[in-house]
Amino acid sequence: MKTTERRALPVAFEEERAKFESHLITLPLKSGEAFVFNQKLMHASWPNKSMENRLALTIGLVPKAADLFMLYFDKNKNALSKFEMPTQMFLHYPEIIDKPLIGQLLETKRLNQKS
């Protein structure tokens, strides 16, 4: 079994944390327990401060007829790009916060600057 060491993902909503901090809860899990949830749930985990590896598993179910794509936001250009992705994207593209190195760029849109 191949394992990949992942760096912690930046929290996109960190600047907004104070607005919803009082609504956050911690779900303690014991060794061997799992929590299954829909991807629409805002979620995070505390940093692993131990010397032990933390195992995480992601499983996605996609209908055969569905188009698989990825959105990438470029902060420097204030632009959002949409990439068509191959069905094996999760096997070959472990760094989900970086610009895709695989797939086909479909479109890029510059976002309006806030006044």
C-alpha atoms as a PDB file:
ATOM      1  CA  MET A   1       0.000   0.000   0.000  1.00  0.00           C
ATOM      2  CA  LYS A   2       1.400   3.358  -1.043  1.00  0.00           C
ATOM      3  CA  THR A   3       1.034   6.173   1.460  1.00  0.00           C
ATOM      4  CA  THR A   4       1.512   9.851   0.799  1.00  0.00           C
ATOM      5  CA  GLU A   5       2.517  12.378   3.417  1.00  0.00           C
ATOM      6  CA  ARG A   6       0.267  15.409   3.165  1.00  0.00           C
ATOM      7  CA  ARG A   7       0.915  18.875   4.405  1.00  0.00           C
ATOM      8  CA  ALA A   8      -1.872  20.570   6.296  1.00  0.00           C
ATOM      9  CA  LEU A   9      -4.313  22.367   4.050  1.00  0.00           C
ATOM     10  CA  PRO A  10      -4.721  26.075   4.660  1.00  0.00           C
ATOM     11  CA  VAL A  11      -8.086  26.880   6.138  1.00  0.00           C
ATOM     12  CA  ALA A  12      -9.919  28.999   3.551  1.00  0.00           C
ATOM     13  CA  PHE A  13     -12.325  30.374   6.132  1.00  0.00           C
ATOM     14  CA  GLU A  14      -9.727  31.267   8.804  1.00  0.00           C
ATOM     15  CA  GLU A  15     -10.351  35.016   8.443  1.00  0.00           C
ATOM     16  CA  GLU A  16     -14.067  34.407   9.060  1.00  0.00           C
ATOM     17  CA  ARG A  17     -13.586  32.080  12.052  1.00  0.00           C
ATOM     18  CA  ALA A  18     -14.773  34.609  14.644  1.00  0.00           C
ATOM     19  CA  LYS A  19     -18.206  34.775  12.973  1.00  0.00           C
ATOM     20  CA  PHE A  20     -18.936  31.082  13.501  1.00  0.00           C
ATOM     21  CA  GLU A  21     -16.554  30.023  16.301  1.00  0.00           C
ATOM     22  CA  SER A  22     -19.407  29.671  18.797  1.00  0.00           C
ATOM     23  CA  HIS A  23     -21.103  27.126  16.497  1.00  0.00           C
ATOM     24  CA  LEU A  24     -18.087  24.800  16.193  1.00  0.00           C
ATOM     25  CA  ILE A  25     -18.009  21.532  18.096  1.00  0.00           C
ATOM     26  CA  THR A  26     -15.278  18.986  18.655  1.00  0.00           C
ATOM     27  CA  LEU A  27     -16.156  15.387  17.943  1.00  0.00           C
ATOM     28  CA  PRO A  28     -13.748  13.253  19.961  1.00  0.00           C
ATOM     29  CA  LEU A  29     -12.996   9.865  18.389  1.00  0.00           C
ATOM     30  CA  LYS A  30     -11.299   6.910  20.006  1.00  0.00           C
ATOM     31  CA  SER A  31      -8.730   4.797  18.241  1.00  0.00           C
ATOM     32  CA  GLY A  32     -10.475   2.679  15.611  1.00  0.00           C
ATOM     33  CA  GLU A  33     -13.566   4.895  15.383  1.00  0.00           C
ATOM     34  CA  ALA A  34     -14.614   6.760  12.233  1.00  0.00           C
ATOM     35  CA  PHE A  35     -16.888   9.648  11.354  1.00  0.00           C
ATOM     36  CA  VAL A  36     -18.672   9.561   7.986  1.00  0.00           C
ATOM     37  CA  PHE A  37     -20.039  12.797   6.564  1.00  0.00           C
ATOM     38  CA  ASN A  38     -21.101  14.584   3.396  1.00  0.00           C
ATOM     39  CA  GLN A  39     -18.518  16.847   1.723  1.00  0.00           C
ATOM     40  CA  LYS A  40     -20.810  19.847   2.281  1.00  0.00           C
ATOM     41  CA  LEU A  41     -20.078  19.738   6.013  1.00  0.00           C
ATOM     42  CA  MET A  42     -17.524  22.369   7.023  1.00  0.00           C
ATOM     43  CA  HIS A  43     -14.904  20.297   8.786  1.00  0.00           C
ATOM     44  CA  ALA A  44     -11.312  20.315  10.006  1.00  0.00           C
ATOM     45  CA  SER A  45      -9.089  18.438  12.389  1.00  0.00           C
ATOM     46  CA  TRP A  46      -6.719  19.643  15.047  1.00  0.00           C
ATOM     47  CA  PRO A  47      -2.998  19.416  14.256  1.00  0.00           C
ATOM     48  CA  ASN A  48      -1.368  16.066  14.964  1.00  0.00           C
ATOM     49  CA  LYS A  49       1.162  16.948  17.656  1.00  0.00           C
ATOM     50  CA  SER A  50       2.167  13.347  18.318  1.00  0.00           C
ATOM     51  CA  MET A  51       4.998  11.450  16.643  1.00  0.00           C
ATOM     52  CA  GLU A  52       2.458   8.867  15.399  1.00  0.00           C
ATOM     53  CA  ASN A  53       1.020   9.003  11.888  1.00  0.00           C
ATOM     54  CA  ARG A  54      -2.642   9.922  11.599  1.00  0.00           C
ATOM     55  CA  LEU A  55      -4.512   7.852   9.055  1.00  0.00           C
ATOM     56  CA  ALA A  56      -7.197   9.546   6.965  1.00  0.00           C
ATOM     57  CA  LEU A  57      -9.259   7.968   4.221  1.00  0.00           C
ATOM     58  CA  THR A  58     -11.324   9.745   1.602  1.00  0.00           C
ATOM     59  CA  ILE A  59     -13.851   7.859  -0.471  1.00  0.00           C
ATOM     60  CA  GLY A  60     -15.831   9.466  -3.267  1.00  0.00           C
ATOM     61  CA  LEU A  61     -18.770   8.025  -5.165  1.00  0.00           C
ATOM     62  CA  VAL A  62     -19.308   9.561  -8.592  1.00  0.00           C
ATOM     63  CA  PRO A  63     -21.944   8.475 -11.114  1.00  0.00           C
ATOM     64  CA  LYS A  64     -20.421   7.224 -14.385  1.00  0.00           C
ATOM     65  CA  ALA A  65     -22.218   9.921 -16.353  1.00  0.00           C
ATOM     66  CA  ALA A  66     -20.937  12.759 -14.129  1.00  0.00           C
ATOM     67  CA  ASP A  67     -18.228  15.115 -15.324  1.00  0.00           C
ATOM     68  CA  LEU A  68     -15.270  15.243 -12.947  1.00  0.00           C
ATOM     69  CA  PHE A  69     -13.710  18.668 -12.641  1.00  0.00           C
ATOM     70  CA  MET A  70     -11.603  20.725 -10.253  1.00  0.00           C
ATOM     71  CA  LEU A  71     -11.655  24.425  -9.474  1.00  0.00           C
ATOM     72  CA  TYR A  72      -8.402  26.233  -8.726  1.00  0.00           C
ATOM     73  CA  PHE A  73      -8.214  29.782  -7.351  1.00  0.00           C
ATOM     74  CA  ASP A  74      -5.084  31.782  -8.174  1.00  0.00           C
ATOM     75  CA  LYS A  75      -4.756  34.496  -5.505  1.00  0.00           C
ATOM     76  CA  ASN A  76      -2.121  36.404  -7.463  1.00  0.00           C
ATOM     77  CA  LYS A  77      -4.348  36.732 -10.541  1.00  0.00           C
ATOM     78  CA  ASN A  78      -7.659  36.796  -8.633  1.00  0.00           C
ATOM     79  CA  ALA A  79      -8.882  34.189 -11.103  1.00  0.00           C
ATOM     80  CA  LEU A  80     -10.805  30.931 -10.865  1.00  0.00           C
ATOM     81  CA  SER A  81      -9.912  28.162 -13.327  1.00  0.00           C
ATOM     82  CA  LYS A  82     -11.972  25.078 -14.101  1.00  0.00           C
ATOM     83  CA  PHE A  83     -10.155  21.880 -15.130  1.00  0.00           C
ATOM     84  CA  GLU A  84     -11.697  18.743 -16.605  1.00  0.00           C
ATOM     85  CA  MET A  85     -10.090  15.880 -14.691  1.00  0.00           C
ATOM     86  CA  PRO A  86      -9.444  12.229 -15.548  1.00  0.00           C
ATOM     87  CA  THR A  87     -11.242   9.564 -13.528  1.00  0.00           C
ATOM     88  CA  GLN A  88      -7.955   8.583 -11.830  1.00  0.00           C
ATOM     89  CA  MET A  89      -7.258  12.120 -10.573  1.00  0.00           C
ATOM     90  CA  PHE A  90      -7.106  11.130  -6.907  1.00  0.00           C
ATOM     91  CA  LEU A  91      -4.491   8.464  -7.611  1.00  0.00           C
ATOM     92  CA  HIS A  92      -2.228  10.836  -9.513  1.00  0.00           C
ATOM     93  CA  TYR A  93      -2.899  14.229  -7.997  1.00  0.00           C
ATOM     94  CA  PRO A  94      -2.320  14.222  -4.240  1.00  0.00           C
ATOM     95  CA  GLU A  95      -1.770  17.965  -3.677  1.00  0.00           C
ATOM     96  CA  ILE A  96      -5.318  19.236  -3.950  1.00  0.00           C
ATOM     97  CA  ILE A  97      -4.432  22.826  -3.036  1.00  0.00           C
ATOM     98  CA  ASP A  98      -1.980  23.308  -5.923  1.00  0.00           C
ATOM     99  CA  LYS A  99      -2.749  24.128  -9.537  1.00  0.00           C
ATOM    100  CA  PRO A 100      -3.488  20.832 -11.314  1.00  0.00           C
ATOM    101  CA  LEU A 101      -0.629  19.300 -13.279  1.00  0.00           C
ATOM    102  CA  ILE A 102      -3.045  16.919 -14.990  1.00  0.00           C
ATOM    103  CA  GLY A 103      -6.413  17.460 -16.620  1.00  0.00           C
ATOM    104  CA  GLN A 104      -7.483  19.954 -19.252  1.00  0.00           C
ATOM    105  CA  LEU A 105      -8.094  23.645 -18.573  1.00  0.00           C
ATOM    106  CA  LEU A 106     -11.682  24.446 -19.608  1.00  0.00           C
ATOM    107  CA  GLU A 107     -11.984  28.089 -18.621  1.00  0.00           C
ATOM    108  CA  THR A 108     -10.560  30.830 -16.421  1.00  0.00           C
ATOM    109  CA  LYS A 109     -12.559  33.737 -15.026  1.00  0.00           C
ATOM    110  CA  ARG A 110     -11.152  36.804 -13.332  1.00  0.00           C
ATOM    111  CA  LEU A 111     -13.130  37.684 -10.234  1.00  0.00           C
ATOM    112  CA  ASN A 112     -14.309  41.214  -9.519  1.00  0.00           C
ATOM    113  CA  GLN A 113     -12.306  43.157  -6.984  1.00  0.00           C
ATOM    114  CA  LYS A 114     -14.190  44.259  -3.885  1.00  0.00           C
ATOM    115  CA  SER A 115     -14.690  48.034  -3.701  1.00  0.00           C
END
